[in-house]
Amino acid sequence: MADGKSYLEVIENVQIVIEEWLETAKLLNRPIPISRGKLIYT
């Protein structure tokens, strides 16, 4: 989860969370899912 005062700040914070999650998963030898592209919901 990430938040911010502006949309740009939220996006920057999301990127940090993603990087930290990947780093933690690698340290714990957990599988990292392969990206399937964008999901479309209707």
N, C-alpha and C. Protein backbone atom coordinates (compact mmCIF):
# COMPACT_ATOMS: atom_id res chain seq x y z
N MET A 1 0.85 -1.16 0.00
CA MET A 1 0.00 0.00 0.00
C MET A 1 0.90 1.23 0.00
N ALA A 2 0.47 2.28 -0.69
CA ALA A 2 1.23 3.52 -0.73
C ALA A 2 0.26 4.69 -0.84
N ASP A 3 0.68 5.82 -0.32
CA ASP A 3 -0.13 7.02 -0.43
C ASP A 3 0.78 8.21 -0.68
N GLY A 4 0.19 9.39 -0.84
CA GLY A 4 0.97 10.59 -1.05
C GLY A 4 0.06 11.79 -1.18
N LYS A 5 0.67 12.95 -1.23
CA LYS A 5 -0.10 14.20 -1.32
C LYS A 5 -0.53 14.50 -2.75
N SER A 6 0.13 13.87 -3.73
CA SER A 6 -0.23 14.07 -5.13
C SER A 6 -0.15 12.72 -5.85
N TYR A 7 -0.73 12.67 -7.03
CA TYR A 7 -0.70 11.45 -7.82
C TYR A 7 0.75 11.04 -8.10
N LEU A 8 1.60 11.98 -8.44
CA LEU A 8 3.00 11.69 -8.73
C LEU A 8 3.70 11.10 -7.50
N GLU A 9 3.44 11.65 -6.34
CA GLU A 9 4.05 11.14 -5.11
C GLU A 9 3.57 9.71 -4.82
N VAL A 10 2.31 9.44 -5.09
CA VAL A 10 1.78 8.09 -4.90
C VAL A 10 2.51 7.11 -5.81
N ILE A 11 2.68 7.46 -7.07
CA ILE A 11 3.36 6.59 -8.03
C ILE A 11 4.80 6.34 -7.60
N GLU A 12 5.48 7.38 -7.14
CA GLU A 12 6.86 7.22 -6.66
C GLU A 12 6.91 6.28 -5.46
N ASN A 13 5.96 6.42 -4.56
CA ASN A 13 5.91 5.56 -3.37
C ASN A 13 5.57 4.12 -3.72
N VAL A 14 4.72 3.93 -4.71
CA VAL A 14 4.40 2.57 -5.17
C VAL A 14 5.66 1.91 -5.71
N GLN A 15 6.45 2.64 -6.47
CA GLN A 15 7.69 2.09 -7.02
C GLN A 15 8.63 1.64 -5.91
N ILE A 16 8.71 2.41 -4.84
CA ILE A 16 9.55 2.04 -3.69
C ILE A 16 9.04 0.75 -3.05
N VAL A 17 7.73 0.65 -2.88
CA VAL A 17 7.15 -0.55 -2.27
C VAL A 17 7.43 -1.78 -3.14
N ILE A 18 7.31 -1.64 -4.45
CA ILE A 18 7.59 -2.76 -5.35
C ILE A 18 9.04 -3.20 -5.23
N GLU A 19 9.96 -2.24 -5.25
CA GLU A 19 11.38 -2.57 -5.14
C GLU A 19 11.70 -3.26 -3.81
N GLU A 20 11.11 -2.77 -2.72
CA GLU A 20 11.35 -3.38 -1.41
C GLU A 20 10.76 -4.79 -1.35
N TRP A 21 9.59 -4.99 -1.95
CA TRP A 21 8.97 -6.31 -1.96
C TRP A 21 9.85 -7.30 -2.72
N LEU A 22 10.34 -6.89 -3.90
CA LEU A 22 11.21 -7.76 -4.69
C LEU A 22 12.49 -8.11 -3.93
N GLU A 23 13.08 -7.12 -3.29
CA GLU A 23 14.31 -7.35 -2.51
C GLU A 23 14.05 -8.37 -1.39
N THR A 24 12.95 -8.19 -0.68
CA THR A 24 12.61 -9.11 0.42
C THR A 24 12.35 -10.51 -0.10
N ALA A 25 11.61 -10.62 -1.19
CA ALA A 25 11.31 -11.94 -1.77
C ALA A 25 12.60 -12.65 -2.16
N LYS A 26 13.54 -11.93 -2.75
CA LYS A 26 14.82 -12.53 -3.13
C LYS A 26 15.59 -13.00 -1.91
N LEU A 27 15.62 -12.18 -0.86
CA LEU A 27 16.34 -12.55 0.36
C LEU A 27 15.75 -13.80 1.02
N LEU A 28 14.43 -13.96 0.91
CA LEU A 28 13.75 -15.10 1.54
C LEU A 28 13.60 -16.27 0.57
N ASN A 29 14.21 -16.16 -0.62
CA ASN A 29 14.10 -17.21 -1.64
C ASN A 29 12.65 -17.55 -1.98
N ARG A 30 11.82 -16.54 -2.04
CA ARG A 30 10.42 -16.74 -2.41
C ARG A 30 10.25 -16.53 -3.91
N PRO A 31 9.32 -17.23 -4.52
CA PRO A 31 9.13 -17.06 -5.97
C PRO A 31 8.59 -15.67 -6.29
N ILE A 32 9.06 -15.13 -7.40
CA ILE A 32 8.58 -13.82 -7.86
C ILE A 32 7.72 -14.09 -9.10
N PRO A 33 6.44 -13.72 -9.04
CA PRO A 33 5.54 -13.98 -10.18
C PRO A 33 6.02 -13.26 -11.44
N ILE A 34 5.78 -13.90 -12.57
CA ILE A 34 6.12 -13.30 -13.86
C ILE A 34 4.99 -12.35 -14.26
N SER A 35 5.37 -11.16 -14.72
CA SER A 35 4.39 -10.17 -15.14
C SER A 35 3.60 -10.68 -16.34
N ARG A 36 2.30 -10.47 -16.31
CA ARG A 36 1.42 -10.86 -17.41
C ARG A 36 0.87 -9.65 -18.13
N GLY A 37 1.39 -8.48 -17.84
CA GLY A 37 0.87 -7.26 -18.45
C GLY A 37 -0.24 -6.67 -17.61
N LYS A 38 -0.91 -5.68 -18.16
CA LYS A 38 -1.98 -5.00 -17.44
C LYS A 38 -3.24 -5.84 -17.45
N LEU A 39 -3.94 -5.81 -16.33
CA LEU A 39 -5.24 -6.49 -16.23
C LEU A 39 -6.33 -5.51 -16.61
N ILE A 40 -7.33 -6.03 -17.25
CA ILE A 40 -8.47 -5.18 -17.63
C ILE A 40 -9.71 -5.71 -16.91
N TYR A 41 -10.35 -4.84 -16.17
CA TYR A 41 -11.56 -5.20 -15.45
C TYR A 41 -12.74 -4.45 -16.07
N THR A 42 -13.86 -5.11 -16.14
CA THR A 42 -15.05 -4.45 -16.67
C THR A 42 -16.15 -4.43 -15.66
